[in-house]
Amino acid sequence: GKTGNRIYLLGLGERKDAVKLEQAFQKLCFETKKYWKKDIQIN
């Protein structure tokens, strides 16, 4: 972003994939949390 903050676009697939939505968040968090600062926001 403008201030050097990280913005992660997270793919949730098609609407039918909403039943396993936690898997997408788990993968993103597991693979990138080491780069985060003290907090992260979710839109």
All heavy atoms as atom14 arrays in JSON, in Angstrom:
{
  "sequence": "GKTGNRIYLLGLGERKDAVKLEQAFQKLCFETKKYWKKDIQIN",
  "atom14_mask": [
    [1, 1, 1, 1, 0, 0, 0, 0, 0, 0, 0, 0, 0, 0],
    [1, 1, 1, 1, 1, 1, 1, 1, 1, 0, 0, 0, 0, 0],
    [1, 1, 1, 1, 1, 1, 1, 0, 0, 0, 0, 0, 0, 0],
    [1, 1, 1, 1, 0, 0, 0, 0, 0, 0, 0, 0, 0, 0],
    [1, 1, 1, 1, 1, 1, 1, 1, 0, 0, 0, 0, 0, 0],
    [1, 1, 1, 1, 1, 1, 1, 1, 1, 1, 1, 0, 0, 0],
    [1, 1, 1, 1, 1, 1, 1, 1, 0, 0, 0, 0, 0, 0],
    [1, 1, 1, 1, 1, 1, 1, 1, 1, 1, 1, 1, 0, 0],
    [1, 1, 1, 1, 1, 1, 1, 1, 0, 0, 0, 0, 0, 0],
    [1, 1, 1, 1, 1, 1, 1, 1, 0, 0, 0, 0, 0, 0],
    [1, 1, 1, 1, 0, 0, 0, 0, 0, 0, 0, 0, 0, 0],
    [1, 1, 1, 1, 1, 1, 1, 1, 0, 0, 0, 0, 0, 0],
    [1, 1, 1, 1, 0, 0, 0, 0, 0, 0, 0, 0, 0, 0],
    [1, 1, 1, 1, 1, 1, 1, 1, 1, 0, 0, 0, 0, 0],
    [1, 1, 1, 1, 1, 1, 1, 1, 1, 1, 1, 0, 0, 0],
    [1, 1, 1, 1, 1, 1, 1, 1, 1, 0, 0, 0, 0, 0],
    [1, 1, 1, 1, 1, 1, 1, 1, 0, 0, 0, 0, 0, 0],
    [1, 1, 1, 1, 1, 0, 0, 0, 0, 0, 0, 0, 0, 0],
    [1, 1, 1, 1, 1, 1, 1, 0, 0, 0, 0, 0, 0, 0],
    [1, 1, 1, 1, 1, 1, 1, 1, 1, 0, 0, 0, 0, 0],
    [1, 1, 1, 1, 1, 1, 1, 1, 0, 0, 0, 0, 0, 0],
    [1, 1, 1, 1, 1, 1, 1, 1, 1, 0, 0, 0, 0, 0],
    [1, 1, 1, 1, 1, 1, 1, 1, 1, 0, 0, 0, 0, 0],
    [1, 1, 1, 1, 1, 0, 0, 0, 0, 0, 0, 0, 0, 0],
    [1, 1, 1, 1, 1, 1, 1, 1, 1, 1, 1, 0, 0, 0],
    [1, 1, 1, 1, 1, 1, 1, 1, 1, 0, 0, 0, 0, 0],
    [1, 1, 1, 1, 1, 1, 1, 1, 1, 0, 0, 0, 0, 0],
    [1, 1, 1, 1, 1, 1, 1, 1, 0, 0, 0, 0, 0, 0],
    [1, 1, 1, 1, 1, 1, 0, 0, 0, 0, 0, 0, 0, 0],
    [1, 1, 1, 1, 1, 1, 1, 1, 1, 1, 1, 0, 0, 0],
    [1, 1, 1, 1, 1, 1, 1, 1, 1, 0, 0, 0, 0, 0],
    [1, 1, 1, 1, 1, 1, 1, 0, 0, 0, 0, 0, 0, 0],
    [1, 1, 1, 1, 1, 1, 1, 1, 1, 0, 0, 0, 0, 0],
    [1, 1, 1, 1, 1, 1, 1, 1, 1, 0, 0, 0, 0, 0],
    [1, 1, 1, 1, 1, 1, 1, 1, 1, 1, 1, 1, 0, 0],
    [1, 1, 1, 1, 1, 1, 1, 1, 1, 1, 1, 1, 1, 1],
    [1, 1, 1, 1, 1, 1, 1, 1, 1, 0, 0, 0, 0, 0],
    [1, 1, 1, 1, 1, 1, 1, 1, 1, 0, 0, 0, 0, 0],
    [1, 1, 1, 1, 1, 1, 1, 1, 0, 0, 0, 0, 0, 0],
    [1, 1, 1, 1, 1, 1, 1, 1, 0, 0, 0, 0, 0, 0],
    [1, 1, 1, 1, 1, 1, 1, 1, 1, 0, 0, 0, 0, 0],
    [1, 1, 1, 1, 1, 1, 1, 1, 0, 0, 0, 0, 0, 0],
    [1, 1, 1, 1, 1, 1, 1, 1, 0, 0, 0, 0, 0, 0]
  ],
  "atom14_positions": [
    [[0.82, -1.2, 0.0], [0.0, 0.0, 0.0], [0.86, 1.25, 0.0], [2.09, 1.2, -0.09], [0.0, 0.0, 0.0], [0.0, 0.0, 0.0], [0.0, 0.0, 0.0], [0.0, 0.0, 0.0], [0.0, 0.0, 0.0], [0.0, 0.0, 0.0], [0.0, 0.0, 0.0], [0.0, 0.0, 0.0], [0.0, 0.0, 0.0], [0.0, 0.0, 0.0]],
    [[0.22, 2.39, 0.17], [0.91, 3.68, 0.09], [1.96, 3.86, 1.18], [2.96, 4.55, 1.01], [-0.11, 4.82, 0.17], [-1.07, 4.88, -1.01], [-2.08, 5.99, -0.85], [-3.05, 6.02, -2.02], [-4.08, 7.09, -1.86], [0.0, 0.0, 0.0], [0.0, 0.0, 0.0], [0.0, 0.0, 0.0], [0.0, 0.0, 0.0], [0.0, 0.0, 0.0]],
    [[1.73, 3.27, 2.33], [2.66, 3.44, 3.45], [3.59, 2.24, 3.62], [4.24, 2.1, 4.65], [1.88, 3.67, 4.76], [1.06, 2.52, 5.02], [1.01, 4.91, 4.67], [0.0, 0.0, 0.0], [0.0, 0.0, 0.0], [0.0, 0.0, 0.0], [0.0, 0.0, 0.0], [0.0, 0.0, 0.0], [0.0, 0.0, 0.0], [0.0, 0.0, 0.0]],
    [[3.62, 1.36, 2.62], [4.44, 0.16, 2.73], [3.74, -0.98, 3.45], [4.36, -2.01, 3.7], [0.0, 0.0, 0.0], [0.0, 0.0, 0.0], [0.0, 0.0, 0.0], [0.0, 0.0, 0.0], [0.0, 0.0, 0.0], [0.0, 0.0, 0.0], [0.0, 0.0, 0.0], [0.0, 0.0, 0.0], [0.0, 0.0, 0.0], [0.0, 0.0, 0.0]],
    [[2.48, -0.77, 3.78], [1.72, -1.85, 4.42], [1.41, -2.95, 3.41], [1.38, -2.72, 2.21], [0.41, -1.3, 5.01], [-0.46, -0.62, 3.97], [0.02, 0.2, 3.19], [-1.74, -0.93, 3.97], [0.0, 0.0, 0.0], [0.0, 0.0, 0.0], [0.0, 0.0, 0.0], [0.0, 0.0, 0.0], [0.0, 0.0, 0.0], [0.0, 0.0, 0.0]],
    [[1.23, -4.15, 3.92], [0.96, -5.29, 3.05], [-0.55, -5.48, 2.86], [-1.31, -5.45, 3.82], [1.58, -6.57, 3.65], [3.1, -6.58, 3.61], [3.61, -7.88, 4.21], [5.04, -8.05, 3.98], [5.99, -7.56, 4.76], [5.67, -6.88, 5.84], [7.26, -7.77, 4.46], [0.0, 0.0, 0.0], [0.0, 0.0, 0.0], [0.0, 0.0, 0.0]],
    [[-0.93, -5.69, 1.61], [-2.33, -5.94, 1.27], [-2.39, -7.3, 0.57], [-1.8, -7.49, -0.49], [-2.89, -4.85, 0.34], [-2.76, -3.47, 1.01], [-4.33, -5.15, -0.03], [-3.07, -2.32, 0.09], [0.0, 0.0, 0.0], [0.0, 0.0, 0.0], [0.0, 0.0, 0.0], [0.0, 0.0, 0.0], [0.0, 0.0, 0.0], [0.0, 0.0, 0.0]],
    [[-3.08, -8.25, 1.21], [-3.18, -9.6, 0.67], [-4.54, -9.8, 0.03], [-5.57, -9.69, 0.7], [-2.99, -10.63, 1.78], [-1.64, -10.61, 2.44], [-1.43, -9.85, 3.59], [-0.57, -11.33, 1.92], [-0.18, -9.82, 4.21], [0.68, -11.31, 2.53], [0.87, -10.55, 3.67], [2.09, -10.53, 4.27], [0.0, 0.0, 0.0], [0.0, 0.0, 0.0]],
    [[-4.54, -10.07, -1.27], [-5.77, -10.52, -1.92], [-5.87, -12.02, -1.72], [-4.94, -12.77, -2.06], [-5.75, -10.18, -3.41], [-5.56, -8.71, -3.81], [-5.72, -8.56, -5.32], [-6.51, -7.81, -3.06], [0.0, 0.0, 0.0], [0.0, 0.0, 0.0], [0.0, 0.0, 0.0], [0.0, 0.0, 0.0], [0.0, 0.0, 0.0], [0.0, 0.0, 0.0]],
    [[-6.97, -12.47, -1.17], [-7.16, -13.89, -0.84], [-8.29, -14.46, -1.67], [-9.43, -14.02, -1.58], [-7.46, -14.06, 0.65], [-7.81, -15.48, 1.11], [-6.64, -16.44, 0.85], [-8.19, -15.49, 2.58], [0.0, 0.0, 0.0], [0.0, 0.0, 0.0], [0.0, 0.0, 0.0], [0.0, 0.0, 0.0], [0.0, 0.0, 0.0], [0.0, 0.0, 0.0]],
    [[-7.98, -15.46, -2.49], [-8.98, -16.07, -3.35], [-9.86, -17.07, -2.6], [-9.36, -17.95, -1.91], [0.0, 0.0, 0.0], [0.0, 0.0, 0.0], [0.0, 0.0, 0.0], [0.0, 0.0, 0.0], [0.0, 0.0, 0.0], [0.0, 0.0, 0.0], [0.0, 0.0, 0.0], [0.0, 0.0, 0.0], [0.0, 0.0, 0.0], [0.0, 0.0, 0.0]],
    [[-11.16, -16.9, -2.73], [-12.12, -17.79, -2.08], [-12.83, -18.71, -3.08], [-13.73, -19.46, -2.7], [-13.16, -16.98, -1.31], [-12.61, -16.02, -0.24], [-13.76, -15.31, 0.47], [-11.75, -16.76, 0.76], [0.0, 0.0, 0.0], [0.0, 0.0, 0.0], [0.0, 0.0, 0.0], [0.0, 0.0, 0.0], [0.0, 0.0, 0.0], [0.0, 0.0, 0.0]],
    [[-12.39, -18.62, -4.36], [-12.98, -19.5, -5.36], [-14.41, -19.13, -5.7], [-14.82, -17.96, -5.61], [0.0, 0.0, 0.0], [0.0, 0.0, 0.0], [0.0, 0.0, 0.0], [0.0, 0.0, 0.0], [0.0, 0.0, 0.0], [0.0, 0.0, 0.0], [0.0, 0.0, 0.0], [0.0, 0.0, 0.0], [0.0, 0.0, 0.0], [0.0, 0.0, 0.0]],
    [[-15.19, -20.14, -6.08], [-16.59, -19.93, -6.4], [-17.43, -20.0, -5.13], [-16.97, -20.44, -4.08], [-17.05, -20.99, -7.41], [-16.26, -20.95, -8.71], [-16.64, -22.07, -9.66], [-17.7, -22.69, -9.44], [-15.88, -22.33, -10.61], [0.0, 0.0, 0.0], [0.0, 0.0, 0.0], [0.0, 0.0, 0.0], [0.0, 0.0, 0.0], [0.0, 0.0, 0.0]],
    [[-18.66, -19.58, -5.22], [-19.53, -19.53, -4.03], [-19.7, -20.9, -3.38], [-19.85, -21.0, -2.17], [-20.9, -18.95, -4.4], [-20.87, -17.45, -4.65], [-20.7, -16.69, -3.36], [-20.42, -15.26, -3.59], [-20.25, -14.37, -2.62], [-20.34, -14.78, -1.36], [-19.99, -13.11, -2.91], [0.0, 0.0, 0.0], [0.0, 0.0, 0.0], [0.0, 0.0, 0.0]],
    [[-19.63, -21.95, -4.18], [-19.77, -23.3, -3.62], [-18.59, -23.65, -2.71], [-18.69, -24.54, -1.87], [-19.87, -24.33, -4.74], [-18.61, -24.46, -5.58], [-18.75, -25.5, -6.68], [-17.44, -25.65, -7.48], [-17.55, -26.67, -8.54], [0.0, 0.0, 0.0], [0.0, 0.0, 0.0], [0.0, 0.0, 0.0], [0.0, 0.0, 0.0], [0.0, 0.0, 0.0]],
    [[-17.47, -22.95, -2.85], [-16.29, -23.21, -2.03], [-16.38, -22.57, -0.65], [-15.49, -22.77, 0.18], [-15.03, -22.69, -2.73], [-14.74, -23.42, -4.04], [-14.89, -24.65, -4.05], [-14.35, -22.76, -5.02], [0.0, 0.0, 0.0], [0.0, 0.0, 0.0], [0.0, 0.0, 0.0], [0.0, 0.0, 0.0], [0.0, 0.0, 0.0], [0.0, 0.0, 0.0]],
    [[-17.45, -21.82, -0.38], [-17.59, -21.16, 0.92], [-17.62, -22.15, 2.07], [-17.26, -21.81, 3.21], [-18.85, -20.3, 0.94], [0.0, 0.0, 0.0], [0.0, 0.0, 0.0], [0.0, 0.0, 0.0], [0.0, 0.0, 0.0], [0.0, 0.0, 0.0], [0.0, 0.0, 0.0], [0.0, 0.0, 0.0], [0.0, 0.0, 0.0], [0.0, 0.0, 0.0]],
    [[-18.0, -23.42, 1.81], [-18.06, -24.42, 2.87], [-16.69, -24.74, 3.44], [-16.57, -25.25, 4.56], [-18.75, -25.71, 2.38], [-20.19, -25.44, 2.01], [-17.98, -26.34, 1.23], [0.0, 0.0, 0.0], [0.0, 0.0, 0.0], [0.0, 0.0, 0.0], [0.0, 0.0, 0.0], [0.0, 0.0, 0.0], [0.0, 0.0, 0.0], [0.0, 0.0, 0.0]],
    [[-15.64, -24.47, 2.7], [-14.27, -24.74, 3.17], [-13.45, -23.46, 3.25], [-12.23, -23.48, 3.15], [-13.59, -25.78, 2.28], [-13.6, -25.44, 0.79], [-12.95, -26.55, -0.03], [-12.96, -26.18, -1.52], [-12.28, -27.21, -2.36], [0.0, 0.0, 0.0], [0.0, 0.0, 0.0], [0.0, 0.0, 0.0], [0.0, 0.0, 0.0], [0.0, 0.0, 0.0]],
    [[-14.14, -22.35, 3.49], [-13.5, -21.05, 3.51], [-12.36, -20.97, 4.53], [-11.35, -20.32, 4.3], [-14.56, -19.98, 3.81], [-14.16, -18.51, 3.85], [-15.28, -17.65, 3.3], [-13.87, -18.07, 5.28], [0.0, 0.0, 0.0], [0.0, 0.0, 0.0], [0.0, 0.0, 0.0], [0.0, 0.0, 0.0], [0.0, 0.0, 0.0], [0.0, 0.0, 0.0]],
    [[-12.5, -21.67, 5.66], [-11.45, -21.6, 6.68], [-10.11, -22.13, 6.16], [-9.05, -21.71, 6.62], [-11.87, -22.35, 7.95], [-11.87, -23.86, 7.87], [-13.17, -24.42, 7.33], [-13.96, -23.67, 6.74], [-13.39, -25.63, 7.51], [0.0, 0.0, 0.0], [0.0, 0.0, 0.0], [0.0, 0.0, 0.0], [0.0, 0.0, 0.0], [0.0, 0.0, 0.0]],
    [[-10.16, -23.04, 5.16], [-8.92, -23.57, 4.61], [-8.11, -22.49, 3.9], [-6.87, -22.47, 3.97], [-9.22, -24.72, 3.65], [-9.83, -25.94, 4.3], [-10.13, -27.04, 3.3], [-9.62, -27.05, 2.19], [-11.0, -27.97, 3.69], [0.0, 0.0, 0.0], [0.0, 0.0, 0.0], [0.0, 0.0, 0.0], [0.0, 0.0, 0.0], [0.0, 0.0, 0.0]],
    [[-8.79, -21.59, 3.22], [-8.1, -20.5, 2.52], [-7.42, -19.56, 3.52], [-6.27, -19.15, 3.34], [-9.08, -19.73, 1.64], [0.0, 0.0, 0.0], [0.0, 0.0, 0.0], [0.0, 0.0, 0.0], [0.0, 0.0, 0.0], [0.0, 0.0, 0.0], [0.0, 0.0, 0.0], [0.0, 0.0, 0.0], [0.0, 0.0, 0.0], [0.0, 0.0, 0.0]],
    [[-8.14, -19.22, 4.6], [-7.56, -18.35, 5.62], [-6.43, -19.04, 6.36], [-5.43, -18.41, 6.72], [-8.65, -17.87, 6.58], [-9.45, -16.72, 6.07], [-10.6, -16.94, 5.31], [-9.06, -15.42, 6.31], [-11.34, -15.87, 4.82], [-9.78, -14.34, 5.82], [-10.93, -14.57, 5.07], [0.0, 0.0, 0.0], [0.0, 0.0, 0.0], [0.0, 0.0, 0.0]],
    [[-6.58, -20.34, 6.6], [-5.52, -21.09, 7.27], [-4.23, -21.05, 6.46], [-3.14, -20.81, 7.0], [-5.96, -22.54, 7.5], [-4.89, -23.39, 8.18], [-5.27, -24.85, 8.27], [-6.24, -25.29, 7.65], [-4.53, -25.63, 9.05], [0.0, 0.0, 0.0], [0.0, 0.0, 0.0], [0.0, 0.0, 0.0], [0.0, 0.0, 0.0], [0.0, 0.0, 0.0]],
    [[-4.33, -21.31, 5.16], [-3.14, -21.33, 4.32], [-2.47, -19.96, 4.27], [-1.24, -19.85, 4.42], [-3.52, -21.78, 2.91], [-2.33, -21.83, 1.95], [-2.76, -22.24, 0.55], [-1.55, -22.21, -0.4], [-1.94, -22.54, -1.8], [0.0, 0.0, 0.0], [0.0, 0.0, 0.0], [0.0, 0.0, 0.0], [0.0, 0.0, 0.0], [0.0, 0.0, 0.0]],
    [[-3.26, -18.91, 4.07], [-2.69, -17.57, 4.02], [-1.98, -17.22, 5.31], [-0.84, -16.74, 5.31], [-3.79, -16.54, 3.72], [-3.34, -15.07, 3.8], [-2.35, -14.75, 2.71], [-4.54, -14.14, 3.73], [0.0, 0.0, 0.0], [0.0, 0.0, 0.0], [0.0, 0.0, 0.0], [0.0, 0.0, 0.0], [0.0, 0.0, 0.0], [0.0, 0.0, 0.0]],
    [[-2.64, -17.45, 6.43], [-2.07, -17.12, 7.73], [-0.81, -17.93, 8.0], [0.22, -17.4, 8.43], [-3.11, -17.35, 8.83], [-2.52, -16.98, 10.5], [0.0, 0.0, 0.0], [0.0, 0.0, 0.0], [0.0, 0.0, 0.0], [0.0, 0.0, 0.0], [0.0, 0.0, 0.0], [0.0, 0.0, 0.0], [0.0, 0.0, 0.0], [0.0, 0.0, 0.0]],
    [[-0.88, -19.23, 7.72], [0.26, -20.12, 7.98], [1.5, -19.69, 7.19], [2.62, -19.7, 7.71], [-0.11, -21.56, 7.63], [0.96, -22.56, 7.92], [1.1, -23.1, 9.19], [1.85, -22.98, 6.92], [2.09, -24.03, 9.46], [2.84, -23.9, 7.18], [2.97, -24.43, 8.46], [0.0, 0.0, 0.0], [0.0, 0.0, 0.0], [0.0, 0.0, 0.0]],
    [[1.29, -19.29, 5.92], [2.42, -19.01, 5.06], [2.93, -17.58, 5.15], [4.07, -17.31, 4.75], [2.05, -19.33, 3.6], [1.78, -20.81, 3.37], [1.59, -21.17, 1.91], [1.82, -20.29, 1.04], [1.23, -22.33, 1.63], [0.0, 0.0, 0.0], [0.0, 0.0, 0.0], [0.0, 0.0, 0.0], [0.0, 0.0, 0.0], [0.0, 0.0, 0.0]],
    [[2.14, -16.66, 5.68], [2.56, -15.26, 5.65], [2.64, -14.58, 7.01], [3.15, -13.47, 7.11], [1.6, -14.43, 4.77], [0.29, -14.4, 5.38], [1.49, -15.0, 3.37], [0.0, 0.0, 0.0], [0.0, 0.0, 0.0], [0.0, 0.0, 0.0], [0.0, 0.0, 0.0], [0.0, 0.0, 0.0], [0.0, 0.0, 0.0], [0.0, 0.0, 0.0]],
    [[2.18, -15.23, 8.09], [2.12, -14.55, 9.38], [3.48, -14.08, 9.88], [3.57, -13.1, 10.63], [1.46, -15.46, 10.43], [2.24, -16.72, 10.75], [1.47, -17.63, 11.7], [2.25, -18.91, 11.96], [1.48, -19.89, 12.73], [0.0, 0.0, 0.0], [0.0, 0.0, 0.0], [0.0, 0.0, 0.0], [0.0, 0.0, 0.0], [0.0, 0.0, 0.0]],
    [[4.56, -14.73, 9.45], [5.89, -14.32, 9.88], [6.26, -12.94, 9.36], [7.18, -12.29, 9.87], [6.93, -15.35, 9.43], [7.0, -15.57, 7.94], [7.94, -16.72, 7.58], [7.9, -17.02, 6.09], [8.75, -18.2, 5.76], [0.0, 0.0, 0.0], [0.0, 0.0, 0.0], [0.0, 0.0, 0.0], [0.0, 0.0, 0.0], [0.0, 0.0, 0.0]],
    [[5.55, -12.48, 8.32], [5.83, -11.16, 7.76], [4.94, -10.06, 8.35], [5.15, -8.88, 8.1], [5.64, -11.17, 6.24], [6.47, -12.21, 5.53], [5.86, -13.26, 4.85], [7.86, -12.15, 5.54], [6.62, -14.24, 4.2], [8.63, -13.12, 4.89], [8.0, -14.15, 4.22], [8.75, -15.11, 3.58], [0.0, 0.0, 0.0], [0.0, 0.0, 0.0]],
    [[3.92, -10.45, 9.1], [2.99, -9.48, 9.62], [3.62, -8.66, 10.74], [4.57, -9.1, 11.39], [1.73, -10.15, 10.16], [0.96, -10.92, 9.13], [1.18, -10.94, 7.78], [-0.13, -11.79, 9.38], [0.28, -11.77, 7.16], [-0.53, -12.31, 8.11], [-0.82, -12.19, 10.5], [-1.61, -13.19, 7.98], [-1.87, -13.06, 10.38], [-2.26, -13.55, 9.12]],
    [[3.03, -7.53, 10.95], [3.41, -6.75, 12.12], [2.59, -7.25, 13.3], [2.27, -8.42, 13.38], [3.21, -5.27, 11.83], [4.12, -4.79, 10.68], [3.81, -3.38, 10.24], [4.67, -3.02, 9.02], [4.35, -1.69, 8.48], [0.0, 0.0, 0.0], [0.0, 0.0, 0.0], [0.0, 0.0, 0.0], [0.0, 0.0, 0.0], [0.0, 0.0, 0.0]],
    [[2.21, -6.44, 14.21], [1.52, -6.92, 15.41], [0.07, -7.3, 15.14], [-0.53, -8.03, 15.91], [1.6, -5.88, 16.52], [3.0, -5.7, 17.08], [3.0, -4.74, 18.25], [4.39, -4.6, 18.84], [4.42, -3.65, 19.97], [0.0, 0.0, 0.0], [0.0, 0.0, 0.0], [0.0, 0.0, 0.0], [0.0, 0.0, 0.0], [0.0, 0.0, 0.0]],
    [[-0.48, -6.76, 14.07], [-1.88, -7.09, 13.82], [-2.16, -7.15, 12.32], [-1.36, -6.73, 11.5], [-2.82, -6.09, 14.51], [-2.54, -4.64, 14.11], [-1.74, -4.43, 13.17], [-3.1, -3.74, 14.72], [0.0, 0.0, 0.0], [0.0, 0.0, 0.0], [0.0, 0.0, 0.0], [0.0, 0.0, 0.0], [0.0, 0.0, 0.0], [0.0, 0.0, 0.0]],
    [[-3.31, -7.72, 12.01], [-3.76, -7.85, 10.62], [-5.27, -7.56, 10.6], [-5.99, -7.9, 11.54], [-3.45, -9.25, 10.06], [-3.71, -9.33, 8.55], [-4.23, -10.32, 10.79], [-2.56, -8.89, 7.71], [0.0, 0.0, 0.0], [0.0, 0.0, 0.0], [0.0, 0.0, 0.0], [0.0, 0.0, 0.0], [0.0, 0.0, 0.0], [0.0, 0.0, 0.0]],
    [[-5.72, -6.93, 9.54], [-7.15, -6.64, 9.39], [-7.75, -7.54, 8.32], [-7.06, -7.95, 7.39], [-7.36, -5.18, 8.96], [-6.68, -4.15, 9.85], [-6.71, -2.78, 9.19], [-7.6, -1.98, 9.44], [-5.73, -2.52, 8.34], [0.0, 0.0, 0.0], [0.0, 0.0, 0.0], [0.0, 0.0, 0.0], [0.0, 0.0, 0.0], [0.0, 0.0, 0.0]],
    [[-9.02, -7.83, 8.46], [-9.75, -8.6, 7.45], [-10.96, -7.79, 6.99], [-11.78, -7.36, 7.81], [-10.23, -9.96, 8.0], [-9.04, -10.82, 8.42], [-11.07, -10.7, 6.96], [-9.44, -12.14, 9.07], [0.0, 0.0, 0.0], [0.0, 0.0, 0.0], [0.0, 0.0, 0.0], [0.0, 0.0, 0.0], [0.0, 0.0, 0.0], [0.0, 0.0, 0.0]],
    [[-11.05, -7.58, 5.7], [-12.21, -6.89, 5.14], [-13.39, -7.87, 5.12], [-13.49, -8.73, 4.25], [-11.9, -6.4, 3.73], [-13.06, -5.67, 3.1], [-13.9, -5.11, 3.8], [-13.13, -5.67, 1.78], [0.0, 0.0, 0.0], [0.0, 0.0, 0.0], [0.0, 0.0, 0.0], [0.0, 0.0, 0.0], [0.0, 0.0, 0.0], [0.0, 0.0, 0.0]]
  ]
}
